[in-house]
PDB file of N, CA and C in Angstrom:
ATOM      1  N   MET A   1      36.613 194.705  84.889  1.00  0.00           N
ATOM      2  CA  MET A   1      37.654 195.279  85.684  1.00  0.00           C
ATOM      3  C   MET A   1      37.041 195.886  86.944  1.00  0.00           C
ATOM      4  N   THR A   2      37.617 195.574  88.083  1.00  0.00           N
ATOM      5  CA  THR A   2      37.097 196.114  89.333  1.00  0.00           C
ATOM      6  C   THR A   2      37.980 197.250  89.802  1.00  0.00           C
ATOM      7  N   THR A   3      37.365 198.210  90.414  1.00  0.00           N
ATOM      8  CA  THR A   3      38.112 199.336  90.959  1.00  0.00           C
ATOM      9  C   THR A   3      37.834 199.430  92.440  1.00  0.00           C
ATOM     10  N   PHE A   4      38.826 199.905  93.165  1.00  0.00           N
ATOM     11  CA  PHE A   4      38.692 200.068  94.608  1.00  0.00           C
ATOM     12  C   PHE A   4      38.122 201.441  94.907  1.00  0.00           C
ATOM     13  N   GLN A   5      37.102 201.482  95.727  1.00  0.00           N
ATOM     14  CA  GLN A   5      36.521 202.750  96.140  1.00  0.00           C
ATOM     15  C   GLN A   5      36.959 203.038  97.572  1.00  0.00           C
ATOM     16  N   PRO A   6      37.841 204.018  97.789  1.00  0.00           N
ATOM     17  CA  PRO A   6      38.298 204.314  99.148  1.00  0.00           C
ATOM     18  C   PRO A   6      37.186 204.905 100.003  1.00  0.00           C
ATOM     19  N   LYS A   7      37.403 204.892 101.310  1.00  0.00           N
ATOM     20  CA  LYS A   7      36.454 205.526 102.221  1.00  0.00           C
ATOM     21  C   LYS A   7      36.352 207.010 101.881  1.00  0.00           C
ATOM     22  N   ALA A   8      35.184 207.553 102.085  1.00  0.00           N
ATOM     23  CA  ALA A   8      34.981 208.974 101.782  1.00  0.00           C
ATOM     24  C   ALA A   8      35.778 209.861 102.734  1.00  0.00           C
ATOM     25  N   THR A   9      35.917 209.427 103.980  1.00  0.00           N
ATOM     26  CA  THR A   9      36.652 210.241 104.943  1.00  0.00           C
ATOM     27  C   THR A   9      37.527 209.359 105.811  1.00  0.00           C
ATOM     28  N   ASP A  10      38.590 209.928 106.284  1.00  0.00           N
ATOM     29  CA  ASP A  10      39.449 209.276 107.259  1.00  0.00           C
ATOM     30  C   ASP A  10      39.261 210.051 108.551  1.00  0.00           C
ATOM     31  N   THR A  11      38.699 209.404 109.553  1.00  0.00           N
ATOM     32  CA  THR A  11      38.315 210.128 110.766  1.00  0.00           C
ATOM     33  C   THR A  11      39.341 210.022 111.884  1.00  0.00           C
ATOM     34  N   SER A  12      40.560 209.585 111.574  1.00  0.00           N
ATOM     35  CA  SER A  12      41.543 209.459 112.640  1.00  0.00           C
ATOM     36  C   SER A  12      41.960 210.838 113.145  1.00  0.00           C
ATOM     37  N   ALA A  13      42.336 210.872 114.418  1.00  0.00           N
ATOM     38  CA  ALA A  13      42.739 212.131 115.040  1.00  0.00           C
ATOM     39  C   ALA A  13      44.029 212.662 114.412  1.00  0.00           C
ATOM     40  N   THR A  14      44.933 211.755 114.041  1.00  0.00           N
ATOM     41  CA  THR A  14      46.195 212.177 113.431  1.00  0.00           C
ATOM     42  C   THR A  14      45.944 212.880 112.106  1.00  0.00           C
ATOM     43  N   HIS A  15      45.077 212.320 111.307  1.00  0.00           N
ATOM     44  CA  HIS A  15      44.745 212.896 109.999  1.00  0.00           C
ATOM     45  C   HIS A  15      44.171 214.309 110.173  1.00  0.00           C
ATOM     46  N   THR A  16      43.239 214.431 111.092  1.00  0.00           N
ATOM     47  CA  THR A  16      42.614 215.730 111.349  1.00  0.00           C
ATOM     48  C   THR A  16      43.634 216.735 111.875  1.00  0.00           C
ATOM     49  N   ALA A  17      44.488 216.282 112.792  1.00  0.00           N
ATOM     50  CA  ALA A  17      45.497 217.178 113.363  1.00  0.00           C
ATOM     51  C   ALA A  17      46.487 217.648 112.305  1.00  0.00           C
ATOM     52  N   LEU A  18      46.898 216.747 111.419  1.00  0.00           N
ATOM     53  CA  LEU A  18      47.839 217.132 110.364  1.00  0.00           C
ATOM     54  C   LEU A  18      47.216 218.172 109.432  1.00  0.00           C
ATOM     55  N   TRP A  19      45.954 217.994 109.076  1.00  0.00           N
ATOM     56  CA  TRP A  19      45.306 218.983 108.216  1.00  0.00           C
ATOM     57  C   TRP A  19      45.149 220.323 108.936  1.00  0.00           C
ATOM     58  N   ALA A  20      44.904 220.274 110.239  1.00  0.00           N
ATOM     59  CA  ALA A  20      44.810 221.514 111.009  1.00  0.00           C
ATOM     60  C   ALA A  20      46.159 222.230 111.039  1.00  0.00           C
ATOM     61  N   VAL A  21      47.239 221.470 111.193  1.00  0.00           N
ATOM     62  CA  VAL A  21      48.583 222.057 111.181  1.00  0.00           C
ATOM     63  C   VAL A  21      48.871 222.688 109.822  1.00  0.00           C
ATOM     64  N   VAL A  22      48.483 222.004 108.749  1.00  0.00           N
ATOM     65  CA  VAL A  22      48.679 222.559 107.399  1.00  0.00           C
ATOM     66  C   VAL A  22      47.944 223.892 107.264  1.00  0.00           C
ATOM     67  N   ALA A  23      46.701 223.925 107.703  1.00  0.00           N
ATOM     68  CA  ALA A  23      45.902 225.145 107.569  1.00  0.00           C
ATOM     69  C   ALA A  23      46.479 226.292 108.411  1.00  0.00           C
ATOM     70  N   VAL A  24      46.772 226.010 109.672  1.00  0.00           N
ATOM     71  CA  VAL A  24      47.257 227.065 110.565  1.00  0.00           C
ATOM     72  C   VAL A  24      48.633 227.565 110.132  1.00  0.00           C
ATOM     73  N   SER A  25      49.529 226.645 109.801  1.00  0.00           N
ATOM     74  CA  SER A  25      50.868 227.083 109.407  1.00  0.00           C
ATOM     75  C   SER A  25      50.849 227.775 108.037  1.00  0.00           C
ATOM     76  N   GLY A  26      49.956 227.353 107.168  1.00  0.00           N
ATOM     77  CA  GLY A  26      49.824 228.026 105.874  1.00  0.00           C
ATOM     78  C   GLY A  26      49.344 229.463 106.035  1.00  0.00           C
ATOM     79  N   VAL A  27      48.342 229.640 106.881  1.00  0.00           N
ATOM     80  CA  VAL A  27      47.847 230.995 107.154  1.00  0.00           C
ATOM     81  C   VAL A  27      48.925 231.810 107.870  1.00  0.00           C
ATOM     82  N   GLY A  28      49.624 231.174 108.795  1.00  0.00           N
ATOM     83  CA  GLY A  28      50.721 231.864 109.487  1.00  0.00           C
ATOM     84  C   GLY A  28      51.801 232.316 108.523  1.00  0.00           C
ATOM     85  N   ASN A  29      52.105 231.476 107.557  1.00  0.00           N
ATOM     86  CA  ASN A  29      53.105 231.832 106.547  1.00  0.00           C
ATOM     87  C   ASN A  29      52.615 233.015 105.703  1.00  0.00           C
ATOM     88  N   LEU A  30      51.347 232.983 105.339  1.00  0.00           N
ATOM     89  CA  LEU A  30      50.774 234.082 104.565  1.00  0.00           C
ATOM     90  C   LEU A  30      50.830 235.390 105.350  1.00  0.00           C
ATOM     91  N   VAL A  31      50.437 235.340 106.606  1.00  0.00           N
ATOM     92  CA  VAL A  31      50.447 236.542 107.443  1.00  0.00           C
ATOM     93  C   VAL A  31      51.879 237.048 107.631  1.00  0.00           C
ATOM     94  N   ALA A  32      52.813 236.125 107.852  1.00  0.00           N
ATOM     95  CA  ALA A  32      54.206 236.524 108.026  1.00  0.00           C
ATOM     96  C   ALA A  32      54.747 237.184 106.759  1.00  0.00           C
ATOM     97  N   SER A  33      54.337 236.690 105.610  1.00  0.00           N
ATOM     98  CA  SER A  33      54.796 237.279 104.352  1.00  0.00           C
ATOM     99  C   SER A  33      54.219 238.675 104.151  1.00  0.00           C
ATOM    100  N   VAL A  34      52.924 238.822 104.408  1.00  0.00           N
ATOM    101  CA  VAL A  34      52.271 240.117 104.216  1.00  0.00           C
ATOM    102  C   VAL A  34      52.804 241.141 105.224  1.00  0.00           C
ATOM    103  N   ALA A  35      53.055 240.684 106.447  1.00  0.00           N
ATOM    104  CA  ALA A  35      53.532 241.586 107.493  1.00  0.00           C
ATOM    105  C   ALA A  35      55.038 241.829 107.406  1.00  0.00           C
ATOM    106  N   GLN A  36      55.678 241.224 106.440  1.00  0.00           N
ATOM    107  CA  GLN A  36      57.119 241.336 106.254  1.00  0.00           C
ATOM    108  C   GLN A  36      57.877 240.982 107.536  1.00  0.00           C
ATOM    109  N   ALA A  37      57.485 239.849 108.117  1.00  0.00           N
ATOM    110  CA  ALA A  37      58.137 239.340 109.324  1.00  0.00           C
ATOM    111  C   ALA A  37      59.551 238.881 108.968  1.00  0.00           C
ATOM    112  N   PRO A  38      60.379 238.669 109.953  1.00  0.00           N
ATOM    113  CA  PRO A  38      61.742 238.190 109.686  1.00  0.00           C
ATOM    114  C   PRO A  38      61.729 236.872 108.898  1.00  0.00           C
ATOM    115  N   LEU A  39      62.780 236.650 108.155  1.00  0.00           N
ATOM    116  CA  LEU A  39      62.895 235.459 107.318  1.00  0.00           C
ATOM    117  C   LEU A  39      62.752 234.172 108.124  1.00  0.00           C
ATOM    118  N   VAL A  40      63.233 234.183 109.346  1.00  0.00           N
ATOM    119  CA  VAL A  40      63.152 232.995 110.199  1.00  0.00           C
ATOM    120  C   VAL A  40      61.700 232.566 110.404  1.00  0.00           C
ATOM    121  N   VAL A  41      60.793 233.515 110.563  1.00  0.00           N
ATOM    122  CA  VAL A  41      59.367 233.197 110.761  1.00  0.00           C
ATOM    123  C   VAL A  41      58.808 232.558 109.501  1.00  0.00           C
ATOM    124  N   ASN A  42      59.119 233.122 108.338  1.00  0.00           N
ATOM    125  CA  ASN A  42      58.646 232.542 107.078  1.00  0.00           C
ATOM    126  C   ASN A  42      59.185 231.135 106.881  1.00  0.00           C
ATOM    127  N   LEU A  43      60.455 230.935 107.170  1.00  0.00           N
ATOM    128  CA  LEU A  43      61.052 229.612 107.011  1.00  0.00           C
ATOM    129  C   LEU A  43      60.443 228.602 107.975  1.00  0.00           C
ATOM    130  N   ALA A  44      60.229 229.010 109.209  1.00  0.00           N
ATOM    131  CA  ALA A  44      59.662 228.099 110.208  1.00  0.00           C
ATOM    132  C   ALA A  44      58.251 227.658 109.829  1.00  0.00           C
ATOM    133  N   THR A  45      57.411 228.605 109.447  1.00  0.00           N
ATOM    134  CA  THR A  45      56.040 228.245 109.081  1.00  0.00           C
ATOM    135  C   THR A  45      56.017 227.445 107.780  1.00  0.00           C
ATOM    136  N   GLY A  46      56.880 227.781 106.857  1.00  0.00           N
ATOM    137  CA  GLY A  46      56.953 227.033 105.608  1.00  0.00           C
ATOM    138  C   GLY A  46      57.425 225.608 105.825  1.00  0.00           C
ATOM    139  N   LEU A  47      58.440 225.433 106.674  1.00  0.00           N
ATOM    140  CA  LEU A  47      58.930 224.080 106.960  1.00  0.00           C
ATOM    141  C   LEU A  47      57.905 223.259 107.734  1.00  0.00           C
ATOM    142  N   LEU A  48      57.173 223.906 108.620  1.00  0.00           N
ATOM    143  CA  LEU A  48      56.110 223.205 109.344  1.00  0.00           C
ATOM    144  C   LEU A  48      55.012 222.738 108.386  1.00  0.00           C
ATOM    145  N   THR A  49      54.629 223.594 107.454  1.00  0.00           N
ATOM    146  CA  THR A  49      53.642 223.214 106.451  1.00  0.00           C
ATOM    147  C   THR A  49      54.155 222.054 105.607  1.00  0.00           C
ATOM    148  N   LEU A  50      55.392 222.146 105.170  1.00  0.00           N
ATOM    149  CA  LEU A  50      55.994 221.080 104.366  1.00  0.00           C
ATOM    150  C   LEU A  50      56.051 219.764 105.131  1.00  0.00           C
ATOM    151  N   ALA A  51      56.412 219.815 106.403  1.00  0.00           N
ATOM    152  CA  ALA A  51      56.489 218.596 107.214  1.00  0.00           C
ATOM    153  C   ALA A  51      55.112 217.943 107.366  1.00  0.00           C
ATOM    154  N   ALA A  52      54.098 218.747 107.612  1.00  0.00           N
ATOM    155  CA  ALA A  52      52.747 218.198 107.767  1.00  0.00           C
ATOM    156  C   ALA A  52      52.246 217.606 106.450  1.00  0.00           C
ATOM    157  N   LEU A  53      52.505 218.273 105.338  1.00  0.00           N
ATOM    158  CA  LEU A  53      52.088 217.739 104.037  1.00  0.00           C
ATOM    159  C   LEU A  53      52.840 216.462 103.701  1.00  0.00           C
ATOM    160  N   THR A  54      54.105 216.401 104.063  1.00  0.00           N
ATOM    161  CA  THR A  54      54.891 215.180 103.847  1.00  0.00           C
ATOM    162  C   THR A  54      54.317 214.034 104.666  1.00  0.00           C
ATOM    163  N   ALA A  55      53.983 214.299 105.912  1.00  0.00           N
ATOM    164  CA  ALA A  55      53.393 213.262 106.762  1.00  0.00           C
ATOM    165  C   ALA A  55      52.059 212.779 106.201  1.00  0.00           C
ATOM    166  N   LEU A  56      51.246 213.695 105.694  1.00  0.00           N
ATOM    167  CA  LEU A  56      49.981 213.298 105.074  1.00  0.00           C
ATOM    168  C   LEU A  56      50.220 212.430 103.840  1.00  0.00           C
ATOM    169  N   GLY A  57      51.209 212.797 103.039  1.00  0.00           N
ATOM    170  CA  GLY A  57      51.534 212.004 101.855  1.00  0.00           C
ATOM    171  C   GLY A  57      52.020 210.612 102.209  1.00  0.00           C
ATOM    172  N   ILE A  58      52.859 210.522 103.230  1.00  0.00           N
ATOM    173  CA  ILE A  58      53.357 209.219 103.662  1.00  0.00           C
ATOM    174  C   ILE A  58      52.213 208.358 104.185  1.00  0.00           C
ATOM    175  N   ARG A  59      51.324 208.958 104.964  1.00  0.00           N
ATOM    176  CA  ARG A  59      50.154 208.210 105.468  1.00  0.00           C
ATOM    177  C   ARG A  59      49.293 207.708 104.310  1.00  0.00           C
ATOM    178  N   HIS A  60      49.110 208.546 103.309  1.00  0.00           N
ATOM    179  CA  HIS A  60      48.299 208.159 102.154  1.00  0.00           C
ATOM    180  C   HIS A  60      48.934 206.988 101.409  1.00  0.00           C
ATOM    181  N   LEU A  61      50.229 207.093 101.119  1.00  0.00           N
ATOM    182  CA  LEU A  61      50.897 206.021 100.401  1.00  0.00           C
ATOM    183  C   LEU A  61      50.946 204.733 101.197  1.00  0.00           C
ATOM    184  N   SER A  62      51.141 204.849 102.506  1.00  0.00           N
ATOM    185  CA  SER A  62      51.172 203.669 103.360  1.00  0.00           C
ATOM    186  C   SER A  62      49.807 202.975 103.378  1.00  0.00           C
ATOM    187  N   ALA A  63      48.762 203.744 103.498  1.00  0.00           N
ATOM    188  CA  ALA A  63      47.404 203.178 103.508  1.00  0.00           C
ATOM    189  C   ALA A  63      47.086 202.555 102.148  1.00  0.00           C
ATOM    190  N   ARG A  64      47.556 203.177 101.104  1.00  0.00           N
ATOM    191  CA  ARG A  64      47.300 202.661  99.758  1.00  0.00           C
ATOM    192  C   ARG A  64      47.999 201.317  99.548  1.00  0.00           C
ATOM    193  N   ARG A  65      49.236 201.191 100.043  1.00  0.00           N
ATOM    194  CA  ARG A  65      49.965 199.930  99.925  1.00  0.00           C
ATOM    195  C   ARG A  65      49.315 198.829 100.747  1.00  0.00           C
ATOM    196  N   ASN A  66      48.796 199.195 101.907  1.00  0.00           N
ATOM    197  CA  ASN A  66      48.163 198.197 102.776  1.00  0.00           C
ATOM    198  C   ASN A  66      46.851 197.689 102.194  1.00  0.00           C
ATOM    199  N   ARG A  67      46.178 198.492 101.400  1.00  0.00           N
ATOM    200  CA  ARG A  67      44.920 198.075 100.769  1.00  0.00           C
ATOM    201  C   ARG A  67      45.164 197.158  99.592  1.00  0.00           C
ATOM    202  N   ALA A  68      46.266 197.363  98.892  1.00  0.00           N
ATOM    203  CA  ALA A  68      46.520 196.599  97.665  1.00  0.00           C
ATOM    204  C   ALA A  68      47.107 195.234  97.934  1.00  0.00           C
TER     205      ALA A  68
END
């Protein structure tokens, strides 16, 4: 049985930018929660994090389908 070994890293700018958005918006959400910022700030940072993670998931699944 053969198994596919994916690349160790994906060096595309989009991939890197999406992970940066996840990190920054996640930290922003944490800071907004600790600082008891208005609900709108928490929702905005949370939705931004969710959108970036969704985009990363879609990219992963798309790349996986293209390899198979």
